[in-house]
């Protein structure tokens, strides 16, 4: 609501992108059927990683998988889920289990497991040079020309 009320921002054909807990928020939003939203992207989506500041430590990974399934049961829009092999918060096996639960419940999500990136792939989305890795993937998911520089794809029109 806030973003679409800003000057120069369209109030339809909205693409929602979230990273980490924001990525899980995008998964949750997919279940609400907001008519303004046409697609969603979850970058390293999840919550509860790094319990006691330990990589891959989580208090209830099964709860995260169950939540993904519940959101998938009422999902309305296509999603792209992007993770890396070396995400220190959400390892590939957990990301795969979440995706499997989401899709099994009826959600539409394309999985993308990228190779290891830097010291921690969890930081890929906002890190310098990260968009050169995920930009083409997101552009293709959105049906945009992947040959355009990411800045051109994401710039307001």
Protein backbone atom coordinates (compact mmCIF):
# COMPACT_ATOMS: atom_id res chain seq x y z
CA UNK A 1 0.00 0.00 0.00
CA UNK A 2 2.76 2.44 0.93
CA UNK A 3 4.87 1.86 -2.18
CA UNK A 4 1.99 2.03 -4.66
CA UNK A 5 0.86 5.34 -3.11
CA UNK A 6 4.21 7.00 -3.89
CA UNK A 7 4.38 9.44 -6.81
CA UNK A 8 5.47 7.82 -10.05
CA UNK A 9 4.83 4.26 -8.85
CA UNK A 10 2.26 2.16 -10.67
CA UNK A 11 -0.57 0.70 -8.65
CA UNK A 12 -0.88 -2.40 -10.82
CA UNK A 13 1.45 -5.04 -12.24
CA UNK A 14 3.52 -4.81 -9.05
CA UNK A 15 6.47 -7.14 -8.61
CA UNK A 16 7.35 -7.81 -4.98
CA UNK A 17 10.93 -8.75 -4.09
CA UNK A 18 12.04 -9.67 -0.59
CA UNK A 19 15.30 -10.91 0.87
CA UNK A 20 15.74 -13.20 3.89
CA UNK A 21 12.79 -12.53 6.26
CA UNK A 22 11.49 -10.21 3.53
CA UNK A 23 11.65 -13.15 1.13
CA UNK A 24 9.50 -15.16 3.51
CA UNK A 25 7.22 -12.11 3.66
CA UNK A 26 6.92 -12.26 -0.13
CA UNK A 27 5.98 -15.95 0.16
CA UNK A 28 3.33 -15.01 2.72
CA UNK A 29 2.06 -12.18 0.53
CA UNK A 30 1.67 -14.63 -2.36
CA UNK A 31 -1.08 -16.29 -0.35
CA UNK A 32 -3.20 -13.15 -0.06
CA UNK A 33 -4.08 -12.64 -3.72
CA UNK A 34 -3.49 -8.88 -3.87
CA UNK A 35 -4.81 -7.96 -7.35
CA UNK A 36 -2.05 -5.36 -7.83
CA UNK A 37 0.70 -7.97 -7.54
CA UNK A 38 1.59 -9.96 -10.66
CA UNK A 39 4.75 -11.76 -9.54
CA UNK A 40 6.94 -12.22 -6.48
CA UNK A 41 10.61 -13.00 -5.92
CA UNK A 42 12.02 -14.50 -2.74
CA UNK A 43 15.77 -14.06 -2.38
CA UNK A 44 17.15 -16.41 0.29
CA UNK A 45 13.74 -16.39 1.94
CA UNK A 46 13.23 -17.68 5.44
CA UNK A 47 13.39 -16.76 9.09
CA UNK A 48 15.12 -18.02 12.20
CA UNK A 49 18.58 -18.77 10.81
CA UNK A 50 21.79 -18.27 12.77
CA UNK A 51 20.34 -19.36 16.10
CA UNK A 52 22.90 -18.31 18.73
CA UNK A 53 24.95 -16.85 15.83
CA UNK A 54 25.72 -20.29 14.43
CA UNK A 55 25.50 -20.87 10.67
CA UNK A 56 22.64 -23.20 9.65
CA UNK A 57 21.39 -23.42 13.24
CA UNK A 58 17.61 -23.07 13.51
CA UNK A 59 15.25 -23.73 16.36
CA UNK A 60 12.40 -25.12 14.24
CA UNK A 61 13.19 -25.72 10.57
CA UNK A 62 10.12 -27.98 10.27
CA UNK A 63 7.91 -25.03 11.23
CA UNK A 64 9.39 -23.04 8.35
CA UNK A 65 8.59 -25.89 5.95
CA UNK A 66 5.04 -26.15 7.31
CA UNK A 67 4.56 -22.38 6.92
CA UNK A 68 5.68 -22.56 3.29
CA UNK A 69 3.08 -25.26 2.69
CA UNK A 70 0.32 -23.22 4.32
CA UNK A 71 1.19 -20.20 2.18
CA UNK A 72 1.31 -22.35 -0.95
CA UNK A 73 -2.21 -23.62 -0.31
CA UNK A 74 -3.72 -20.22 -1.06
CA UNK A 75 -1.01 -18.75 -3.32
CA UNK A 76 -2.28 -16.75 -6.28
CA UNK A 77 0.75 -15.50 -8.20
CA UNK A 78 3.90 -17.03 -9.68
CA UNK A 79 7.10 -16.81 -7.68
CA UNK A 80 10.83 -17.18 -8.19
CA UNK A 81 12.78 -18.53 -5.21
CA UNK A 82 16.53 -17.83 -5.34
CA UNK A 83 19.07 -19.44 -3.00
CA UNK A 84 22.79 -20.16 -3.20
CA UNK A 85 24.76 -23.30 -2.39
CA UNK A 86 26.57 -21.48 0.44
CA UNK A 87 23.73 -19.61 2.14
CA UNK A 88 24.69 -19.69 5.82
CA UNK A 89 21.11 -19.15 6.97
CA UNK A 90 19.07 -21.48 4.77
CA UNK A 91 21.00 -24.44 3.39
CA UNK A 92 19.94 -25.98 0.07
CA UNK A 93 18.20 -28.93 1.76
CA UNK A 94 15.99 -26.60 3.82
CA UNK A 95 15.29 -24.34 0.82
CA UNK A 96 14.34 -27.42 -1.21
CA UNK A 97 12.03 -28.72 1.53
CA UNK A 98 10.30 -25.34 1.79
CA UNK A 99 9.87 -25.14 -1.97
CA UNK A 100 8.58 -28.70 -2.16
CA UNK A 101 5.96 -27.98 0.55
CA UNK A 102 4.88 -24.75 -1.15
CA UNK A 103 4.42 -26.38 -4.56
CA UNK A 104 2.82 -29.54 -3.17
CA UNK A 105 0.18 -27.35 -1.54
CA UNK A 106 -0.61 -25.63 -4.85
CA UNK A 107 1.79 -22.68 -5.03
CA UNK A 108 3.63 -21.86 -8.25
CA UNK A 109 7.31 -21.19 -7.66
CA UNK A 110 10.37 -21.63 -9.84
CA UNK A 111 13.36 -22.73 -7.77
CA UNK A 112 16.81 -21.35 -8.53
CA UNK A 113 19.76 -22.76 -6.62
CA UNK A 114 22.79 -20.74 -7.65
CA UNK A 115 26.40 -21.79 -7.12
CA UNK A 116 28.26 -20.62 -4.04
CA UNK A 117 28.74 -16.87 -4.05
CA UNK A 118 31.37 -15.04 -2.02
CA UNK A 119 31.80 -16.02 1.62
CA UNK A 120 28.03 -16.22 2.24
CA UNK A 121 25.50 -16.47 -0.55
CA UNK A 122 22.80 -15.20 1.81
CA UNK A 123 24.15 -11.72 1.08
CA UNK A 124 23.98 -12.04 -2.72
CA UNK A 125 20.89 -9.89 -3.23
CA UNK A 126 22.23 -6.61 -1.86
CA UNK A 127 25.98 -7.11 -2.22
CA UNK A 128 28.08 -5.21 -4.74
CA UNK A 129 28.05 -7.23 -7.96
CA UNK A 130 25.20 -9.45 -6.79
CA UNK A 131 22.75 -8.12 -9.34
CA UNK A 132 25.08 -9.30 -12.10
CA UNK A 133 24.40 -12.83 -10.81
CA UNK A 134 20.66 -12.72 -10.11
CA UNK A 135 19.58 -9.94 -12.50
CA UNK A 136 19.37 -12.07 -15.62
CA UNK A 137 17.46 -14.77 -13.77
CA UNK A 138 14.88 -12.30 -12.46
CA UNK A 139 14.58 -10.58 -15.83
CA UNK A 140 13.88 -13.91 -17.54
CA UNK A 141 11.32 -14.84 -14.86
CA UNK A 142 9.52 -11.54 -15.47
CA UNK A 143 9.59 -12.02 -19.24
CA UNK A 144 11.96 -9.08 -19.79
CA UNK A 145 14.85 -9.00 -22.19
CA UNK A 146 17.72 -10.46 -20.18
CA UNK A 147 20.24 -8.63 -22.37
CA UNK A 148 19.30 -5.32 -20.75
CA UNK A 149 21.52 -4.14 -17.91
CA UNK A 150 19.86 -4.74 -14.54
CA UNK A 151 19.72 -0.98 -13.89
CA UNK A 152 17.60 -0.57 -17.03
CA UNK A 153 15.25 -3.36 -16.00
CA UNK A 154 14.72 -1.97 -12.50
CA UNK A 155 14.61 1.73 -13.32
CA UNK A 156 11.21 3.48 -13.19
CA UNK A 157 9.64 4.11 -16.58
